[in-house]
Amino acid sequence: MQTLAYGMTLVLTLGLAACGSDQKAPEEPEGPMEEAGAEVDEAAEEAADETEEAAEEIEEEADEAVGEDEY
């Protein structure tokens, strides 16, 4: 009787472990609108980076023109 209880416990434990596994659904392929959205996001990020770099360059040039000690 005790062997049957151990066997049932083992089966139950393995069954619960199998149900709790991290099974992800397969990803759906991106459609044309998702690809276009990703391209727009990338372009906006690049534009923001370039704008930030330009602002830093302008600030450096302004500091050199005025002199940093006068601030």
PDB file of N, CA and C in Angstrom:
ATOM      1  N   MET A   1       0.819  -1.195   0.000  1.00  0.00           N
ATOM      2  CA  MET A   1       0.000   0.000   0.000  1.00  0.00           C
ATOM      3  C   MET A   1       0.864   1.261   0.000  1.00  0.00           C
ATOM      4  N   GLN A   2       1.950   1.209   0.757  1.00  0.00           N
ATOM      5  CA  GLN A   2       2.828   2.366   0.831  1.00  0.00           C
ATOM      6  C   GLN A   2       3.522   2.598  -0.509  1.00  0.00           C
ATOM      7  N   THR A   3       3.860   1.560  -1.232  1.00  0.00           N
ATOM      8  CA  THR A   3       4.477   1.677  -2.542  1.00  0.00           C
ATOM      9  C   THR A   3       3.518   2.341  -3.522  1.00  0.00           C
ATOM     10  N   LEU A   4       2.237   1.992  -3.425  1.00  0.00           N
ATOM     11  CA  LEU A   4       1.223   2.612  -4.279  1.00  0.00           C
ATOM     12  C   LEU A   4       1.115   4.109  -3.992  1.00  0.00           C
ATOM     13  N   ALA A   5       1.185   4.480  -2.738  1.00  0.00           N
ATOM     14  CA  ALA A   5       1.117   5.901  -2.361  1.00  0.00           C
ATOM     15  C   ALA A   5       2.323   6.655  -2.892  1.00  0.00           C
ATOM     16  N   TYR A   6       3.519   6.048  -2.790  1.00  0.00           N
ATOM     17  CA  TYR A   6       4.715   6.688  -3.332  1.00  0.00           C
ATOM     18  C   TYR A   6       4.627   6.830  -4.852  1.00  0.00           C
ATOM     19  N   GLY A   7       4.113   5.797  -5.493  1.00  0.00           N
ATOM     20  CA  GLY A   7       3.955   5.834  -6.949  1.00  0.00           C
ATOM     21  C   GLY A   7       2.985   6.918  -7.386  1.00  0.00           C
ATOM     22  N   MET A   8       1.872   7.028  -6.685  1.00  0.00           N
ATOM     23  CA  MET A   8       0.878   8.059  -7.018  1.00  0.00           C
ATOM     24  C   MET A   8       1.436   9.467  -6.758  1.00  0.00           C
ATOM     25  N   THR A   9       2.211   9.611  -5.681  1.00  0.00           N
ATOM     26  CA  THR A   9       2.839  10.899  -5.373  1.00  0.00           C
ATOM     27  C   THR A   9       3.823  11.283  -6.470  1.00  0.00           C
ATOM     28  N   LEU A  10       4.590  10.308  -6.935  1.00  0.00           N
ATOM     29  CA  LEU A  10       5.550  10.555  -8.011  1.00  0.00           C
ATOM     30  C   LEU A  10       4.839  10.970  -9.292  1.00  0.00           C
ATOM     31  N   VAL A  11       3.790  10.268  -9.647  1.00  0.00           N
ATOM     32  CA  VAL A  11       3.028  10.591 -10.856  1.00  0.00           C
ATOM     33  C   VAL A  11       2.412  11.989 -10.744  1.00  0.00           C
ATOM     34  N   LEU A  12       1.854  12.291  -9.594  1.00  0.00           N
ATOM     35  CA  LEU A  12       1.247  13.606  -9.378  1.00  0.00           C
ATOM     36  C   LEU A  12       2.292  14.716  -9.447  1.00  0.00           C
ATOM     37  N   THR A  13       3.443  14.484  -8.835  1.00  0.00           N
ATOM     38  CA  THR A  13       4.512  15.485  -8.846  1.00  0.00           C
ATOM     39  C   THR A  13       5.012  15.733 -10.264  1.00  0.00           C
ATOM     40  N   LEU A  14       5.266  14.682 -11.001  1.00  0.00           N
ATOM     41  CA  LEU A  14       5.730  14.835 -12.381  1.00  0.00           C
ATOM     42  C   LEU A  14       4.664  15.498 -13.259  1.00  0.00           C
ATOM     43  N   GLY A  15       3.414  15.167 -13.027  1.00  0.00           N
ATOM     44  CA  GLY A  15       2.332  15.782 -13.796  1.00  0.00           C
ATOM     45  C   GLY A  15       2.233  17.275 -13.544  1.00  0.00           C
ATOM     46  N   LEU A  16       2.353  17.668 -12.276  1.00  0.00           N
ATOM     47  CA  LEU A  16       2.313  19.099 -11.954  1.00  0.00           C
ATOM     48  C   LEU A  16       3.541  19.830 -12.497  1.00  0.00           C
ATOM     49  N   ALA A  17       4.683  19.185 -12.445  1.00  0.00           N
ATOM     50  CA  ALA A  17       5.896  19.798 -12.973  1.00  0.00           C
ATOM     51  C   ALA A  17       5.775  20.018 -14.481  1.00  0.00           C
ATOM     52  N   ALA A  18       5.164  19.074 -15.176  1.00  0.00           N
ATOM     53  CA  ALA A  18       4.997  19.216 -16.624  1.00  0.00           C
ATOM     54  C   ALA A  18       4.034  20.353 -16.951  1.00  0.00           C
ATOM     55  N   CYS A  19       3.019  20.537 -16.144  1.00  0.00           N
ATOM     56  CA  CYS A  19       2.053  21.616 -16.392  1.00  0.00           C
ATOM     57  C   CYS A  19       2.642  22.986 -16.096  1.00  0.00           C
ATOM     58  N   GLY A  20       3.613  23.039 -15.208  1.00  0.00           N
ATOM     59  CA  GLY A  20       4.181  24.317 -14.809  1.00  0.00           C
ATOM     60  C   GLY A  20       5.352  24.756 -15.652  1.00  0.00           C
ATOM     61  N   SER A  21       5.680  24.027 -16.692  1.00  0.00           N
ATOM     62  CA  SER A  21       6.842  24.399 -17.497  1.00  0.00           C
ATOM     63  C   SER A  21       6.561  25.672 -18.285  1.00  0.00           C
ATOM     64  N   ASP A  22       7.621  26.338 -18.667  1.00  0.00           N
ATOM     65  CA  ASP A  22       7.517  27.609 -19.384  1.00  0.00           C
ATOM     66  C   ASP A  22       7.420  27.332 -20.885  1.00  0.00           C
ATOM     67  N   GLN A  23       6.235  27.088 -21.348  1.00  0.00           N
ATOM     68  CA  GLN A  23       6.023  26.822 -22.760  1.00  0.00           C
ATOM     69  C   GLN A  23       5.489  28.078 -23.413  1.00  0.00           C
ATOM     70  N   LYS A  24       6.261  28.618 -24.329  1.00  0.00           N
ATOM     71  CA  LYS A  24       5.845  29.830 -25.027  1.00  0.00           C
ATOM     72  C   LYS A  24       5.192  29.456 -26.346  1.00  0.00           C
ATOM     73  N   ALA A  25       4.201  30.237 -26.691  1.00  0.00           N
ATOM     74  CA  ALA A  25       3.547  30.027 -27.979  1.00  0.00           C
ATOM     75  C   ALA A  25       4.503  30.490 -29.079  1.00  0.00           C
ATOM     76  N   PRO A  26       4.501  29.843 -30.200  1.00  0.00           N
ATOM     77  CA  PRO A  26       5.383  30.284 -31.286  1.00  0.00           C
ATOM     78  C   PRO A  26       5.007  31.699 -31.728  1.00  0.00           C
ATOM     79  N   GLU A  27       6.029  32.491 -31.985  1.00  0.00           N
ATOM     80  CA  GLU A  27       5.784  33.869 -32.392  1.00  0.00           C
ATOM     81  C   GLU A  27       5.209  33.920 -33.798  1.00  0.00           C
ATOM     82  N   GLU A  28       4.269  34.822 -33.968  1.00  0.00           N
ATOM     83  CA  GLU A  28       3.703  35.007 -35.290  1.00  0.00           C
ATOM     84  C   GLU A  28       4.663  35.866 -36.113  1.00  0.00           C
ATOM     85  N   PRO A  29       4.759  35.600 -37.389  1.00  0.00           N
ATOM     86  CA  PRO A  29       5.632  36.435 -38.213  1.00  0.00           C
ATOM     87  C   PRO A  29       5.090  37.863 -38.267  1.00  0.00           C
ATOM     88  N   GLU A  30       6.012  38.812 -38.331  1.00  0.00           N
ATOM     89  CA  GLU A  30       5.590  40.207 -38.386  1.00  0.00           C
ATOM     90  C   GLU A  30       4.945  40.515 -39.731  1.00  0.00           C
ATOM     91  N   GLY A  31       3.901  41.286 -39.666  1.00  0.00           N
ATOM     92  CA  GLY A  31       3.242  41.709 -40.884  1.00  0.00           C
ATOM     93  C   GLY A  31       3.867  42.990 -41.410  1.00  0.00           C
ATOM     94  N   PRO A  32       3.416  43.467 -42.555  1.00  0.00           N
ATOM     95  CA  PRO A  32       4.018  44.669 -43.151  1.00  0.00           C
ATOM     96  C   PRO A  32       3.829  45.918 -42.294  1.00  0.00           C
ATOM     97  N   MET A  33       2.707  46.018 -41.577  1.00  0.00           N
ATOM     98  CA  MET A  33       2.490  47.194 -40.735  1.00  0.00           C
ATOM     99  C   MET A  33       3.426  47.177 -39.524  1.00  0.00           C
ATOM    100  N   GLU A  34       3.665  45.988 -38.965  1.00  0.00           N
ATOM    101  CA  GLU A  34       4.591  45.891 -37.839  1.00  0.00           C
ATOM    102  C   GLU A  34       6.013  46.224 -38.276  1.00  0.00           C
ATOM    103  N   GLU A  35       6.398  45.751 -39.463  1.00  0.00           N
ATOM    104  CA  GLU A  35       7.731  46.066 -39.980  1.00  0.00           C
ATOM    105  C   GLU A  35       7.872  47.566 -40.234  1.00  0.00           C
ATOM    106  N   ALA A  36       6.836  48.182 -40.794  1.00  0.00           N
ATOM    107  CA  ALA A  36       6.874  49.624 -41.048  1.00  0.00           C
ATOM    108  C   ALA A  36       6.947  50.387 -39.728  1.00  0.00           C
ATOM    109  N   GLY A  37       6.203  49.937 -38.732  1.00  0.00           N
ATOM    110  CA  GLY A  37       6.246  50.580 -37.420  1.00  0.00           C
ATOM    111  C   GLY A  37       7.618  50.480 -36.790  1.00  0.00           C
ATOM    112  N   ALA A  38       8.277  49.339 -36.946  1.00  0.00           N
ATOM    113  CA  ALA A  38       9.624  49.166 -36.407  1.00  0.00           C
ATOM    114  C   ALA A  38      10.602  50.101 -37.117  1.00  0.00           C
ATOM    115  N   GLU A  39      10.442  50.273 -38.416  1.00  0.00           N
ATOM    116  CA  GLU A  39      11.310  51.188 -39.163  1.00  0.00           C
ATOM    117  C   GLU A  39      11.087  52.628 -38.726  1.00  0.00           C
ATOM    118  N   VAL A  40       9.843  53.007 -38.484  1.00  0.00           N
ATOM    119  CA  VAL A  40       9.541  54.362 -38.014  1.00  0.00           C
ATOM    120  C   VAL A  40      10.148  54.582 -36.634  1.00  0.00           C
ATOM    121  N   ASP A  41      10.026  53.593 -35.756  1.00  0.00           N
ATOM    122  CA  ASP A  41      10.617  53.694 -34.424  1.00  0.00           C
ATOM    123  C   ASP A  41      12.128  53.878 -34.511  1.00  0.00           C
ATOM    124  N   GLU A  42      12.764  53.103 -35.371  1.00  0.00           N
ATOM    125  CA  GLU A  42      14.211  53.193 -35.527  1.00  0.00           C
ATOM    126  C   GLU A  42      14.619  54.558 -36.078  1.00  0.00           C
ATOM    127  N   ALA A  43      13.879  55.062 -37.058  1.00  0.00           N
ATOM    128  CA  ALA A  43      14.192  56.371 -37.632  1.00  0.00           C
ATOM    129  C   ALA A  43      14.016  57.472 -36.591  1.00  0.00           C
ATOM    130  N   ALA A  44      12.981  57.387 -35.780  1.00  0.00           N
ATOM    131  CA  ALA A  44      12.756  58.392 -34.738  1.00  0.00           C
ATOM    132  C   ALA A  44      13.871  58.354 -33.700  1.00  0.00           C
ATOM    133  N   GLU A  45      14.317  57.160 -33.352  1.00  0.00           N
ATOM    134  CA  GLU A  45      15.410  57.029 -32.387  1.00  0.00           C
ATOM    135  C   GLU A  45      16.704  57.610 -32.940  1.00  0.00           C
ATOM    136  N   GLU A  46      16.987  57.336 -34.211  1.00  0.00           N
ATOM    137  CA  GLU A  46      18.184  57.886 -34.843  1.00  0.00           C
ATOM    138  C   GLU A  46      18.113  59.412 -34.912  1.00  0.00           C
ATOM    139  N   ALA A  47      16.935  59.944 -35.244  1.00  0.00           N
ATOM    140  CA  ALA A  47      16.777  61.398 -35.311  1.00  0.00           C
ATOM    141  C   ALA A  47      16.980  62.032 -33.940  1.00  0.00           C
ATOM    142  N   ALA A  48      16.481  61.394 -32.906  1.00  0.00           N
ATOM    143  CA  ALA A  48      16.656  61.919 -31.546  1.00  0.00           C
ATOM    144  C   ALA A  48      18.128  61.906 -31.159  1.00  0.00           C
ATOM    145  N   ASP A  49      18.832  60.837 -31.513  1.00  0.00           N
ATOM    146  CA  ASP A  49      20.261  60.756 -31.202  1.00  0.00           C
ATOM    147  C   ASP A  49      21.042  61.838 -31.935  1.00  0.00           C
ATOM    148  N   GLU A  50      20.736  62.037 -33.215  1.00  0.00           N
ATOM    149  CA  GLU A  50      21.434  63.048 -34.001  1.00  0.00           C
ATOM    150  C   GLU A  50      21.126  64.455 -33.491  1.00  0.00           C
ATOM    151  N   THR A  51      19.889  64.690 -33.084  1.00  0.00           N
ATOM    152  CA  THR A  51      19.507  65.994 -32.538  1.00  0.00           C
ATOM    153  C   THR A  51      20.256  66.260 -31.240  1.00  0.00           C
ATOM    154  N   GLU A  52      20.370  65.245 -30.408  1.00  0.00           N
ATOM    155  CA  GLU A  52      21.095  65.400 -29.144  1.00  0.00           C
ATOM    156  C   GLU A  52      22.572  65.700 -29.400  1.00  0.00           C
ATOM    157  N   GLU A  53      23.176  64.999 -30.357  1.00  0.00           N
ATOM    158  CA  GLU A  53      24.572  65.245 -30.702  1.00  0.00           C
ATOM    159  C   GLU A  53      24.762  66.661 -31.235  1.00  0.00           C
ATOM    160  N   ALA A  54      23.845  67.121 -32.084  1.00  0.00           N
ATOM    161  CA  ALA A  54      23.938  68.468 -32.632  1.00  0.00           C
ATOM    162  C   ALA A  54      23.813  69.514 -31.525  1.00  0.00           C
ATOM    163  N   ALA A  55      22.921  69.281 -30.570  1.00  0.00           N
ATOM    164  CA  ALA A  55      22.749  70.226 -29.463  1.00  0.00           C
ATOM    165  C   ALA A  55      24.006  70.293 -28.610  1.00  0.00           C
ATOM    166  N   GLU A  56      24.639  69.144 -28.385  1.00  0.00           N
ATOM    167  CA  GLU A  56      25.884  69.127 -27.617  1.00  0.00           C
ATOM    168  C   GLU A  56      26.987  69.891 -28.352  1.00  0.00           C
ATOM    169  N   GLU A  57      27.087  69.713 -29.678  1.00  0.00           N
ATOM    170  CA  GLU A  57      28.090  70.426 -30.461  1.00  0.00           C
ATOM    171  C   GLU A  57      27.850  71.930 -30.419  1.00  0.00           C
ATOM    172  N   ILE A  58      26.595  72.343 -30.522  1.00  0.00           N
ATOM    173  CA  ILE A  58      26.260  73.765 -30.470  1.00  0.00           C
ATOM    174  C   ILE A  58      26.632  74.341 -29.106  1.00  0.00           C
ATOM    175  N   GLU A  59      26.354  73.587 -28.047  1.00  0.00           N
ATOM    176  CA  GLU A  59      26.687  74.047 -26.703  1.00  0.00           C
ATOM    177  C   GLU A  59      28.197  74.206 -26.544  1.00  0.00           C
ATOM    178  N   GLU A  60      28.963  73.253 -27.069  1.00  0.00           N
ATOM    179  CA  GLU A  60      30.421  73.335 -26.993  1.00  0.00           C
ATOM    180  C   GLU A  60      30.940  74.539 -27.765  1.00  0.00           C
ATOM    181  N   GLU A  61      30.398  74.768 -28.958  1.00  0.00           N
ATOM    182  CA  GLU A  61      30.817  75.917 -29.764  1.00  0.00           C
ATOM    183  C   GLU A  61      30.468  77.230 -29.068  1.00  0.00           C
ATOM    184  N   ALA A  62      29.293  77.291 -28.456  1.00  0.00           N
ATOM    185  CA  ALA A  62      28.888  78.499 -27.742  1.00  0.00           C
ATOM    186  C   ALA A  62      29.802  78.741 -26.545  1.00  0.00           C
ATOM    187  N   ASP A  63      30.163  77.691 -25.829  1.00  0.00           N
ATOM    188  CA  ASP A  63      31.075  77.828 -24.694  1.00  0.00           C
ATOM    189  C   ASP A  63      32.432  78.343 -25.146  1.00  0.00           C
ATOM    190  N   GLU A  64      32.914  77.839 -26.264  1.00  0.00           N
ATOM    191  CA  GLU A  64      34.207  78.291 -26.789  1.00  0.00           C
ATOM    192  C   GLU A  64      34.128  79.750 -27.250  1.00  0.00           C
ATOM    193  N   ALA A  65      33.027  80.135 -27.861  1.00  0.00           N
ATOM    194  CA  ALA A  65      32.878  81.501 -28.369  1.00  0.00           C
ATOM    195  C   ALA A  65      32.791  82.512 -27.238  1.00  0.00           C
ATOM    196  N   VAL A  66      32.076  82.182 -26.177  1.00  0.00           N
ATOM    197  CA  VAL A  66      31.874  83.126 -25.065  1.00  0.00           C
ATOM    198  C   VAL A  66      32.996  82.985 -24.062  1.00  0.00           C
ATOM    199  N   GLY A  67      33.465  81.798 -23.866  1.00  0.00           N
ATOM    200  CA  GLY A  67      34.453  81.525 -22.821  1.00  0.00           C
ATOM    201  C   GLY A  67      33.737  80.953 -21.622  1.00  0.00           C
ATOM    202  N   GLU A  68      34.152  79.785 -21.206  1.00  0.00           N
ATOM    203  CA  GLU A  68      33.445  79.074 -20.133  1.00  0.00           C
ATOM    204  C   GLU A  68      33.549  79.781 -18.796  1.00  0.00           C
ATOM    205  N   ASP A  69      34.598  80.603 -18.568  1.00  0.00           N
ATOM    206  CA  ASP A  69      34.780  81.252 -17.264  1.00  0.00           C
ATOM    207  C   ASP A  69      33.770  82.366 -17.024  1.00  0.00           C
ATOM    208  N   GLU A  70      33.141  82.884 -18.039  1.00  0.00           N
ATOM    209  CA  GLU A  70      32.237  83.998 -17.886  1.00  0.00           C
ATOM    210  C   GLU A  70      30.836  83.593 -17.437  1.00  0.00           C
ATOM    211  N   TYR A  71      30.557  82.329 -17.306  1.00  0.00           N
ATOM    212  CA  TYR A  71      29.235  81.865 -16.891  1.00  0.00           C
ATOM    213  C   TYR A  71      29.048  82.014 -15.428  1.00  0.00           C
TER     214      TYR A  71
END
